[in-house]
């Protein structure tokens, strides 16, 4: 009953917002971005980080400025006036006043966002006693052009697995993480929440599944979009880790799920 009432309340408030003079005064492209954000943030676990208690040890801490910027992006509030260029390394593109450029910036922030999510997932797997290894040399993921932990620029012989779960069955999986932007420079007229993460997940399997199987490993794609919407296999992996935490840490089922999804959600939004 509470869920049904909450959905009705959200639908009414969302309709009121989208029909407000403020929204209708914006260009059509911007209106489609507003709608995409409103539809995304209400998806299951996408806003879980808002319920996380500050915890420095778990890296669940935001500065006041980071939190204000994140809230402004979600609440459709402009963050500055006039025109500015992105100040991030490797990116000098113009920024929009609402901060949507941060979701798809090709500068160093994309690597940071990816690594924050990978570190959070690895820490959860460690608590579940799966003995994860970050940046594992598995030699089946093809060449790499990315900067890695402590590594300089240039091409490495083989792409490292973001996380390798040693104790997860007889054929340990290579987990490959990707964080994609659901907000595009040209938004489609029909937006489907989670579609960007699902496409990224499918692309990862097409690219790496056969090679990993041939090398004797399983392959697990972990895709999430920058608004926190998880692809199906990412959600399934987090659910499984929550079940393992129940037995390894003695946590109640509801608490294990809360800790897992909130921690991962916080990492995604901290990276934005």
C-alpha atoms as a PDB file:
ATOM      1  CA  UNK A   1       0.000   0.000   0.000  1.00  0.00           C
ATOM      2  CA  UNK A   2       2.774   2.428   0.918  1.00  0.00           C
ATOM      3  CA  UNK A   3       4.595   1.683  -2.345  1.00  0.00           C
ATOM      4  CA  UNK A   4       1.457   2.287  -4.400  1.00  0.00           C
ATOM      5  CA  UNK A   5       0.709   5.559  -2.613  1.00  0.00           C
ATOM      6  CA  UNK A   6       4.325   6.678  -3.054  1.00  0.00           C
ATOM      7  CA  UNK A   7       4.137   5.992  -6.807  1.00  0.00           C
ATOM      8  CA  UNK A   8       0.916   7.959  -7.128  1.00  0.00           C
ATOM      9  CA  UNK A   9       2.388  10.849  -5.156  1.00  0.00           C
ATOM     10  CA  UNK A  10       5.545  10.875  -7.258  1.00  0.00           C
ATOM     11  CA  UNK A  11       3.593  10.753 -10.525  1.00  0.00           C
ATOM     12  CA  UNK A  12       1.463  13.695  -9.462  1.00  0.00           C
ATOM     13  CA  UNK A  13       4.418  15.772  -8.288  1.00  0.00           C
ATOM     14  CA  UNK A  14       6.413  14.862 -11.401  1.00  0.00           C
ATOM     15  CA  UNK A  15       3.543  15.930 -13.665  1.00  0.00           C
ATOM     16  CA  UNK A  16       3.210  19.209 -11.766  1.00  0.00           C
ATOM     17  CA  UNK A  17       6.925  19.901 -12.110  1.00  0.00           C
ATOM     18  CA  UNK A  18       7.098  19.086 -15.826  1.00  0.00           C
ATOM     19  CA  UNK A  19       4.100  21.325 -16.539  1.00  0.00           C
ATOM     20  CA  UNK A  20       5.465  24.249 -14.511  1.00  0.00           C
ATOM     21  CA  UNK A  21       6.348  27.532 -16.200  1.00  0.00           C
ATOM     22  CA  UNK A  22      10.004  27.050 -15.213  1.00  0.00           C
ATOM     23  CA  UNK A  23      10.316  23.772 -17.126  1.00  0.00           C
ATOM     24  CA  UNK A  24       8.183  24.796 -20.087  1.00  0.00           C
ATOM     25  CA  UNK A  25      10.316  27.910 -20.562  1.00  0.00           C
ATOM     26  CA  UNK A  26      13.384  25.739 -21.251  1.00  0.00           C
ATOM     27  CA  UNK A  27      14.390  24.495 -24.739  1.00  0.00           C
ATOM     28  CA  UNK A  28      12.837  21.125 -25.753  1.00  0.00           C
ATOM     29  CA  UNK A  29      16.228  19.379 -25.548  1.00  0.00           C
ATOM     30  CA  UNK A  30      16.642  20.505 -21.957  1.00  0.00           C
ATOM     31  CA  UNK A  31      13.102  19.429 -21.105  1.00  0.00           C
ATOM     32  CA  UNK A  32      13.936  15.904 -22.307  1.00  0.00           C
ATOM     33  CA  UNK A  33      16.991  15.882 -20.055  1.00  0.00           C
ATOM     34  CA  UNK A  34      14.860  16.959 -17.102  1.00  0.00           C
ATOM     35  CA  UNK A  35      12.442  14.113 -17.777  1.00  0.00           C
ATOM     36  CA  UNK A  36      15.293  11.590 -18.113  1.00  0.00           C
ATOM     37  CA  UNK A  37      16.687  12.580 -14.723  1.00  0.00           C
ATOM     38  CA  UNK A  38      13.303  12.483 -13.000  1.00  0.00           C
ATOM     39  CA  UNK A  39      12.610   9.027 -14.413  1.00  0.00           C
ATOM     40  CA  UNK A  40      16.074   7.709 -13.527  1.00  0.00           C
ATOM     41  CA  UNK A  41      16.374   8.850  -9.925  1.00  0.00           C
ATOM     42  CA  UNK A  42      13.166   7.034  -8.918  1.00  0.00           C
ATOM     43  CA  UNK A  43      14.458   3.645 -10.140  1.00  0.00           C
ATOM     44  CA  UNK A  44      15.219   0.925  -7.616  1.00  0.00           C
ATOM     45  CA  UNK A  45      18.473   1.650  -5.700  1.00  0.00           C
ATOM     46  CA  UNK A  46      19.342   4.684  -7.870  1.00  0.00           C
ATOM     47  CA  UNK A  47      18.967   7.023  -4.897  1.00  0.00           C
ATOM     48  CA  UNK A  48      20.115   4.606  -2.199  1.00  0.00           C
ATOM     49  CA  UNK A  49      23.137   6.769  -1.355  1.00  0.00           C
ATOM     50  CA  UNK A  50      20.861   9.401   0.165  1.00  0.00           C
ATOM     51  CA  UNK A  51      20.196   7.002   3.049  1.00  0.00           C
ATOM     52  CA  UNK A  52      23.885   6.220   3.715  1.00  0.00           C
ATOM     53  CA  UNK A  53      25.321   7.505   6.980  1.00  0.00           C
ATOM     54  CA  UNK A  54      28.639   9.389   6.652  1.00  0.00           C
ATOM     55  CA  UNK A  55      31.503   6.955   7.160  1.00  0.00           C
ATOM     56  CA  UNK A  56      35.086   7.978   6.419  1.00  0.00           C
ATOM     57  CA  UNK A  57      36.406   4.410   6.630  1.00  0.00           C
ATOM     58  CA  UNK A  58      33.982   3.296   3.912  1.00  0.00           C
ATOM     59  CA  UNK A  59      34.679   6.416   1.823  1.00  0.00           C
ATOM     60  CA  UNK A  60      31.060   7.473   2.268  1.00  0.00           C
ATOM     61  CA  UNK A  61      31.762  11.161   2.777  1.00  0.00           C
ATOM     62  CA  UNK A  62      31.026  14.111   0.512  1.00  0.00           C
ATOM     63  CA  UNK A  63      32.162  17.665   0.926  1.00  0.00           C
ATOM     64  CA  UNK A  64      29.439  20.297   1.261  1.00  0.00           C
ATOM     65  CA  UNK A  65      30.190  21.516  -2.261  1.00  0.00           C
ATOM     66  CA  UNK A  66      29.987  18.002  -3.748  1.00  0.00           C
ATOM     67  CA  UNK A  67      26.642  17.380  -2.074  1.00  0.00           C
ATOM     68  CA  UNK A  68      25.202  20.728  -3.198  1.00  0.00           C
ATOM     69  CA  UNK A  69      26.286  20.096  -6.791  1.00  0.00           C
ATOM     70  CA  UNK A  70      24.813  16.608  -6.781  1.00  0.00           C
ATOM     71  CA  UNK A  71      21.509  17.834  -5.356  1.00  0.00           C
ATOM     72  CA  UNK A  72      21.344  20.709  -7.829  1.00  0.00           C
ATOM     73  CA  UNK A  73      21.812  18.289 -10.715  1.00  0.00           C
ATOM     74  CA  UNK A  74      19.018  16.019  -9.440  1.00  0.00           C
ATOM     75  CA  UNK A  75      16.671  18.911  -8.597  1.00  0.00           C
ATOM     76  CA  UNK A  76      17.128  20.693 -11.949  1.00  0.00           C
ATOM     77  CA  UNK A  77      18.738  23.762 -10.389  1.00  0.00           C
ATOM     78  CA  UNK A  78      21.303  25.787 -12.421  1.00  0.00           C
ATOM     79  CA  UNK A  79      24.737  25.763 -10.819  1.00  0.00           C
ATOM     80  CA  UNK A  80      26.142  28.897 -12.467  1.00  0.00           C
ATOM     81  CA  UNK A  81      25.201  31.579 -14.951  1.00  0.00           C
ATOM     82  CA  UNK A  82      26.936  32.525 -18.169  1.00  0.00           C
ATOM     83  CA  UNK A  83      29.260  30.246 -20.128  1.00  0.00           C
ATOM     84  CA  UNK A  84      32.242  28.265 -18.836  1.00  0.00           C
ATOM     85  CA  UNK A  85      34.677  25.656 -20.094  1.00  0.00           C
ATOM     86  CA  UNK A  86      35.273  22.370 -18.311  1.00  0.00           C
ATOM     87  CA  UNK A  87      38.306  22.626 -16.025  1.00  0.00           C
ATOM     88  CA  UNK A  88      39.008  18.891 -15.860  1.00  0.00           C
ATOM     89  CA  UNK A  89      42.219  17.557 -17.419  1.00  0.00           C
ATOM     90  CA  UNK A  90      41.887  16.283 -20.998  1.00  0.00           C
ATOM     91  CA  UNK A  91      38.591  18.116 -21.496  1.00  0.00           C
ATOM     92  CA  UNK A  92      38.007  21.727 -22.545  1.00  0.00           C
ATOM     93  CA  UNK A  93      34.409  21.438 -23.734  1.00  0.00           C
ATOM     94  CA  UNK A  94      31.809  24.058 -22.817  1.00  0.00           C
ATOM     95  CA  UNK A  95      29.757  23.274 -19.715  1.00  0.00           C
ATOM     96  CA  UNK A  96      26.011  23.701 -19.377  1.00  0.00           C
ATOM     97  CA  UNK A  97      24.733  25.649 -16.362  1.00  0.00           C
ATOM     98  CA  UNK A  98      22.888  22.588 -14.982  1.00  0.00           C
ATOM     99  CA  UNK A  99      26.032  20.461 -14.745  1.00  0.00           C
ATOM    100  CA  UNK A 100      24.934  17.685 -17.110  1.00  0.00           C
ATOM    101  CA  UNK A 101      28.334  17.836 -18.791  1.00  0.00           C
ATOM    102  CA  UNK A 102      29.773  16.222 -15.637  1.00  0.00           C
ATOM    103  CA  UNK A 103      27.814  13.033 -16.402  1.00  0.00           C
ATOM    104  CA  UNK A 104      29.493  12.481 -19.760  1.00  0.00           C
ATOM    105  CA  UNK A 105      32.783  14.375 -19.389  1.00  0.00           C
ATOM    106  CA  UNK A 106      35.638  12.607 -21.180  1.00  0.00           C
ATOM    107  CA  UNK A 107      38.263  14.098 -18.868  1.00  0.00           C
ATOM    108  CA  UNK A 108      39.981  12.378 -15.954  1.00  0.00           C
ATOM    109  CA  UNK A 109      36.704  12.254 -13.993  1.00  0.00           C
ATOM    110  CA  UNK A 110      35.557   9.208 -15.977  1.00  0.00           C
ATOM    111  CA  UNK A 111      38.526   7.183 -14.745  1.00  0.00           C
ATOM    112  CA  UNK A 112      37.976   8.433 -11.198  1.00  0.00           C
ATOM    113  CA  UNK A 113      34.288   7.509 -11.293  1.00  0.00           C
ATOM    114  CA  UNK A 114      35.145   4.051 -12.621  1.00  0.00           C
ATOM    115  CA  UNK A 115      37.812   3.481  -9.967  1.00  0.00           C
ATOM    116  CA  UNK A 116      35.551   4.647  -7.114  1.00  0.00           C
ATOM    117  CA  UNK A 117      32.896   2.130  -8.163  1.00  0.00           C
ATOM    118  CA  UNK A 118      35.497  -0.624  -8.633  1.00  0.00           C
ATOM    119  CA  UNK A 119      37.039   0.051  -5.208  1.00  0.00           C
ATOM    120  CA  UNK A 120      33.620   0.008  -3.526  1.00  0.00           C
ATOM    121  CA  UNK A 121      32.615  -3.255  -5.221  1.00  0.00           C
ATOM    122  CA  UNK A 122      35.974  -4.822  -4.364  1.00  0.00           C
ATOM    123  CA  UNK A 123      35.593  -3.821  -0.709  1.00  0.00           C
ATOM    124  CA  UNK A 124      32.115  -5.362  -0.578  1.00  0.00           C
ATOM    125  CA  UNK A 125      33.432  -8.587  -2.141  1.00  0.00           C
ATOM    126  CA  UNK A 126      36.256  -8.637   0.422  1.00  0.00           C
ATOM    127  CA  UNK A 127      33.758  -8.398   3.278  1.00  0.00           C
ATOM    128  CA  UNK A 128      31.892 -11.288   1.624  1.00  0.00           C
ATOM    129  CA  UNK A 129      35.191 -13.268   1.738  1.00  0.00           C
ATOM    130  CA  UNK A 130      35.532 -13.752  -2.005  1.00  0.00           C
ATOM    131  CA  UNK A 131      39.196 -12.634  -1.933  1.00  0.00           C
ATOM    132  CA  UNK A 132      38.902 -10.057  -4.736  1.00  0.00           C
ATOM    133  CA  UNK A 133      41.929  -8.774  -6.589  1.00  0.00           C
ATOM    134  CA  UNK A 134      41.904  -5.358  -8.227  1.00  0.00           C
ATOM    135  CA  UNK A 135      43.518  -4.972 -11.649  1.00  0.00           C
ATOM    136  CA  UNK A 136      44.232  -8.671 -12.035  1.00  0.00           C
ATOM    137  CA  UNK A 137      46.433  -9.738 -15.011  1.00  0.00           C
ATOM    138  CA  UNK A 138      44.153 -12.290 -16.685  1.00  0.00           C
ATOM    139  CA  UNK A 139      45.477 -11.895 -20.272  1.00  0.00           C
ATOM    140  CA  UNK A 140      42.113 -12.398 -21.980  1.00  0.00           C
ATOM    141  CA  UNK A 141      40.558  -8.923 -22.154  1.00  0.00           C
ATOM    142  CA  UNK A 142      42.558  -7.504 -25.053  1.00  0.00           C
ATOM    143  CA  UNK A 143      44.957  -4.505 -25.188  1.00  0.00           C
ATOM    144  CA  UNK A 144      44.524  -1.530 -22.896  1.00  0.00           C
ATOM    145  CA  UNK A 145      44.990   2.194 -23.526  1.00  0.00           C
ATOM    146  CA  UNK A 146      43.810   3.349 -20.092  1.00  0.00           C
ATOM    147  CA  UNK A 147      45.685   4.765 -17.123  1.00  0.00           C
ATOM    148  CA  UNK A 148      45.621   2.217 -14.301  1.00  0.00           C
ATOM    149  CA  UNK A 149      46.381   2.439 -10.581  1.00  0.00           C
ATOM    150  CA  UNK A 150      49.785   4.096 -10.293  1.00  0.00           C
ATOM    151  CA  UNK A 151      50.586   3.472 -13.956  1.00  0.00           C
ATOM    152  CA  UNK A 152      51.655   6.046 -16.477  1.00  0.00           C
ATOM    153  CA  UNK A 153      50.169   6.610 -19.925  1.00  0.00           C
ATOM    154  CA  UNK A 154      50.644   4.235 -22.810  1.00  0.00           C
ATOM    155  CA  UNK A 155      49.496   0.841 -24.042  1.00  0.00           C
ATOM    156  CA  UNK A 156      49.847  -2.185 -21.763  1.00  0.00           C
ATOM    157  CA  UNK A 157      50.154  -5.637 -23.287  1.00  0.00           C
ATOM    158  CA  UNK A 158      46.811  -6.806 -21.916  1.00  0.00           C
ATOM    159  CA  UNK A 159      43.872  -5.143 -20.268  1.00  0.00           C
ATOM    160  CA  UNK A 160      43.630  -5.954 -16.570  1.00  0.00           C
ATOM    161  CA  UNK A 161      40.438  -7.290 -15.008  1.00  0.00           C
ATOM    162  CA  UNK A 162      38.869  -4.620 -12.804  1.00  0.00           C
ATOM    163  CA  UNK A 163      38.119  -7.256 -10.161  1.00  0.00           C
ATOM    164  CA  UNK A 164      38.983 -10.957 -10.059  1.00  0.00           C
ATOM    165  CA  UNK A 165      36.981 -12.976  -7.506  1.00  0.00           C
ATOM    166  CA  UNK A 166      39.295 -15.808  -6.432  1.00  0.00           C
ATOM    167  CA  UNK A 167      36.885 -17.700  -4.181  1.00  0.00           C
ATOM    168  CA  UNK A 168      33.730 -17.455  -6.304  1.00  0.00           C
ATOM    169  CA  UNK A 169      33.342 -21.010  -7.567  1.00  0.00           C
ATOM    170  CA  UNK A 170      35.635 -23.384  -9.510  1.00  0.00           C
ATOM    171  CA  UNK A 171      35.849 -20.932 -12.442  1.00  0.00           C
ATOM    172  CA  UNK A 172      36.485 -17.515 -10.871  1.00  0.00           C
ATOM    173  CA  UNK A 173      34.897 -14.577 -12.705  1.00  0.00           C
ATOM    174  CA  UNK A 174      36.551 -11.517 -14.163  1.00  0.00           C
ATOM    175  CA  UNK A 175      34.346  -8.543 -13.306  1.00  0.00           C
ATOM    176  CA  UNK A 176      34.550  -5.681 -15.793  1.00  0.00           C
ATOM    177  CA  UNK A 177      33.034  -2.396 -14.603  1.00  0.00           C
ATOM    178  CA  UNK A 178      31.656   0.390 -16.740  1.00  0.00           C
ATOM    179  CA  UNK A 179      29.889   3.611 -15.742  1.00  0.00           C
ATOM    180  CA  UNK A 180      27.986   5.258 -18.589  1.00  0.00           C
ATOM    181  CA  UNK A 181      26.012   8.463 -18.974  1.00  0.00           C
ATOM    182  CA  UNK A 182      22.254   8.299 -19.611  1.00  0.00           C
ATOM    183  CA  UNK A 183      22.279  12.009 -20.507  1.00  0.00           C
ATOM    184  CA  UNK A 184      23.369  12.595 -24.093  1.00  0.00           C
ATOM    185  CA  UNK A 185      24.103  15.725 -26.084  1.00  0.00           C
ATOM    186  CA  UNK A 186      21.060  14.853 -28.206  1.00  0.00           C
ATOM    187  CA  UNK A 187      18.406  13.186 -26.048  1.00  0.00           C
ATOM    188  CA  UNK A 188      15.974  10.726 -27.695  1.00  0.00           C
ATOM    189  CA  UNK A 189      12.305  11.627 -27.686  1.00  0.00           C
ATOM    190  CA  UNK A 190      11.509   8.356 -25.903  1.00  0.00           C
ATOM    191  CA  UNK A 191      13.771   7.793 -22.894  1.00  0.00           C
ATOM    192  CA  UNK A 192      13.922   4.477 -21.042  1.00  0.00           C
ATOM    193  CA  UNK A 193      15.616   4.487 -17.610  1.00  0.00           C
ATOM    194  CA  UNK A 194      18.460   1.976 -17.417  1.00  0.00           C
ATOM    195  CA  UNK A 195      18.723   1.536 -21.196  1.00  0.00           C
ATOM    196  CA  UNK A 196      22.245   3.010 -21.314  1.00  0.00           C
ATOM    197  CA  UNK A 197      23.491   0.636 -18.601  1.00  0.00           C
ATOM    198  CA  UNK A 198      21.811  -2.337 -20.295  1.00  0.00           C
ATOM    199  CA  UNK A 199      23.427  -1.514 -23.656  1.00  0.00           C
ATOM    200  CA  UNK A 200      26.815  -1.208 -21.957  1.00  0.00           C
ATOM    201  CA  UNK A 201      26.327  -4.564 -20.236  1.00  0.00           C
ATOM    202  CA  UNK A 202      25.409  -6.293 -23.504  1.00  0.00           C
ATOM    203  CA  UNK A 203      28.385  -4.710 -25.279  1.00  0.00           C
ATOM    204  CA  UNK A 204      30.763  -5.993 -22.581  1.00  0.00           C
ATOM    205  CA  UNK A 205      29.487  -9.551 -22.963  1.00  0.00           C
ATOM    206  CA  UNK A 206      29.778  -9.422 -26.747  1.00  0.00           C
ATOM    207  CA  UNK A 207      33.346  -8.179 -26.430  1.00  0.00           C
ATOM    208  CA  UNK A 208      34.797 -10.328 -23.628  1.00  0.00           C
ATOM    209  CA  UNK A 209      32.612 -13.346 -22.786  1.00  0.00           C
ATOM    210  CA  UNK A 210      33.997 -15.771 -25.361  1.00  0.00           C
ATOM    211  CA  UNK A 211      37.639 -14.856 -24.657  1.00  0.00           C
ATOM    212  CA  UNK A 212      37.210 -15.299 -20.904  1.00  0.00           C
ATOM    213  CA  UNK A 213      35.485 -18.664 -21.340  1.00  0.00           C
ATOM    214  CA  UNK A 214      38.304 -19.812 -23.599  1.00  0.00           C
ATOM    215  CA  UNK A 215      40.832 -18.811 -20.922  1.00  0.00           C
ATOM    216  CA  UNK A 216      38.988 -20.843 -18.279  1.00  0.00           C
ATOM    217  CA  UNK A 217      37.351 -17.912 -16.490  1.00  0.00           C
ATOM    218  CA  UNK A 218      33.809 -16.702 -16.196  1.00  0.00           C
ATOM    219  CA  UNK A 219      33.030 -13.146 -17.234  1.00  0.00           C
ATOM    220  CA  UNK A 220      30.761 -10.757 -15.361  1.00  0.00           C
ATOM    221  CA  UNK A 221      29.830  -7.343 -16.703  1.00  0.00           C
ATOM    222  CA  UNK A 222      28.978  -4.731 -14.086  1.00  0.00           C
ATOM    223  CA  UNK A 223      27.298  -1.738 -15.722  1.00  0.00           C
ATOM    224  CA  UNK A 224      25.703   1.247 -14.007  1.00  0.00           C
ATOM    225  CA  UNK A 225      24.769   4.662 -15.303  1.00  0.00           C
ATOM    226  CA  UNK A 226      25.921   7.923 -13.769  1.00  0.00           C
ATOM    227  CA  UNK A 227      22.502   8.502 -12.173  1.00  0.00           C
ATOM    228  CA  UNK A 228      22.797   5.224 -10.265  1.00  0.00           C
ATOM    229  CA  UNK A 229      20.571   2.923 -12.366  1.00  0.00           C
ATOM    230  CA  UNK A 230      22.018  -0.605 -12.397  1.00  0.00           C
ATOM    231  CA  UNK A 231      22.015  -3.068 -15.273  1.00  0.00           C
ATOM    232  CA  UNK A 232      20.360  -6.437 -14.450  1.00  0.00           C
ATOM    233  CA  UNK A 233      23.578  -8.412 -13.900  1.00  0.00           C
ATOM    234  CA  UNK A 234      25.057  -5.642 -11.740  1.00  0.00           C
ATOM    235  CA  UNK A 235      21.982  -5.706  -9.532  1.00  0.00           C
ATOM    236  CA  UNK A 236      22.116  -9.510  -9.389  1.00  0.00           C
ATOM    237  CA  UNK A 237      25.778  -9.483  -8.320  1.00  0.00           C
ATOM    238  CA  UNK A 238      25.099  -6.969  -5.539  1.00  0.00           C
ATOM    239  CA  UNK A 239      22.154  -9.062  -4.345  1.00  0.00           C
ATOM    240  CA  UNK A 240      24.379 -12.133  -4.216  1.00  0.00           C
ATOM    241  CA  UNK A 241      27.043 -10.241  -2.275  1.00  0.00           C
ATOM    242  CA  UNK A 242      24.361  -9.150   0.184  1.00  0.00           C
ATOM    243  CA  UNK A 243      23.374 -12.795   0.713  1.00  0.00           C
ATOM    244  CA  UNK A 244      27.011 -13.703   1.350  1.00  0.00           C
ATOM    245  CA  UNK A 245      27.314 -10.885   3.892  1.00  0.00           C
ATOM    246  CA  UNK A 246      24.410 -12.392   5.780  1.00  0.00           C
ATOM    247  CA  UNK A 247      26.447 -15.545   6.420  1.00  0.00           C
ATOM    248  CA  UNK A 248      29.965 -14.117   6.652  1.00  0.00           C
ATOM    249  CA  UNK A 249      29.122 -11.084   8.799  1.00  0.00           C
ATOM    250  CA  UNK A 250      25.990 -12.350  10.525  1.00  0.00           C
ATOM    251  CA  UNK A 251      23.893  -9.442   9.245  1.00  0.00           C
ATOM    252  CA  UNK A 252      20.111  -9.480   8.886  1.00  0.00           C
ATOM    253  CA  UNK A 253      18.959  -9.747   5.277  1.00  0.00           C
ATOM    254  CA  UNK A 254      17.499  -6.229   5.099  1.00  0.00           C
ATOM    255  CA  UNK A 255      20.620  -4.658   6.588  1.00  0.00           C
ATOM    256  CA  UNK A 256      23.010  -6.514   4.268  1.00  0.00           C
ATOM    257  CA  UNK A 257      21.067  -5.307   1.214  1.00  0.00           C
ATOM    258  CA  UNK A 258      20.996  -1.749   2.518  1.00  0.00           C
ATOM    259  CA  UNK A 259      24.738  -1.669   3.167  1.00  0.00           C
ATOM    260  CA  UNK A 260      25.641  -3.144  -0.230  1.00  0.00           C
ATOM    261  CA  UNK A 261      23.387  -1.013  -2.428  1.00  0.00           C
ATOM    262  CA  UNK A 262      23.969   2.201  -0.465  1.00  0.00           C
ATOM    263  CA  UNK A 263      27.730   1.803  -0.604  1.00  0.00           C
ATOM    264  CA  UNK A 264      27.766   1.201  -4.337  1.00  0.00           C
ATOM    265  CA  UNK A 265      25.291   4.019  -4.976  1.00  0.00           C
ATOM    266  CA  UNK A 266      27.425   6.410  -2.928  1.00  0.00           C
ATOM    267  CA  UNK A 267      30.512   5.545  -4.978  1.00  0.00           C
ATOM    268  CA  UNK A 268      28.657   6.293  -8.233  1.00  0.00           C
ATOM    269  CA  UNK A 269      27.454   9.704  -7.084  1.00  0.00           C
ATOM    270  CA  UNK A 270      30.750  10.609  -5.427  1.00  0.00           C
ATOM    271  CA  UNK A 271      32.376  10.075  -8.816  1.00  0.00           C
ATOM    272  CA  UNK A 272      30.024  12.515 -10.523  1.00  0.00           C
END
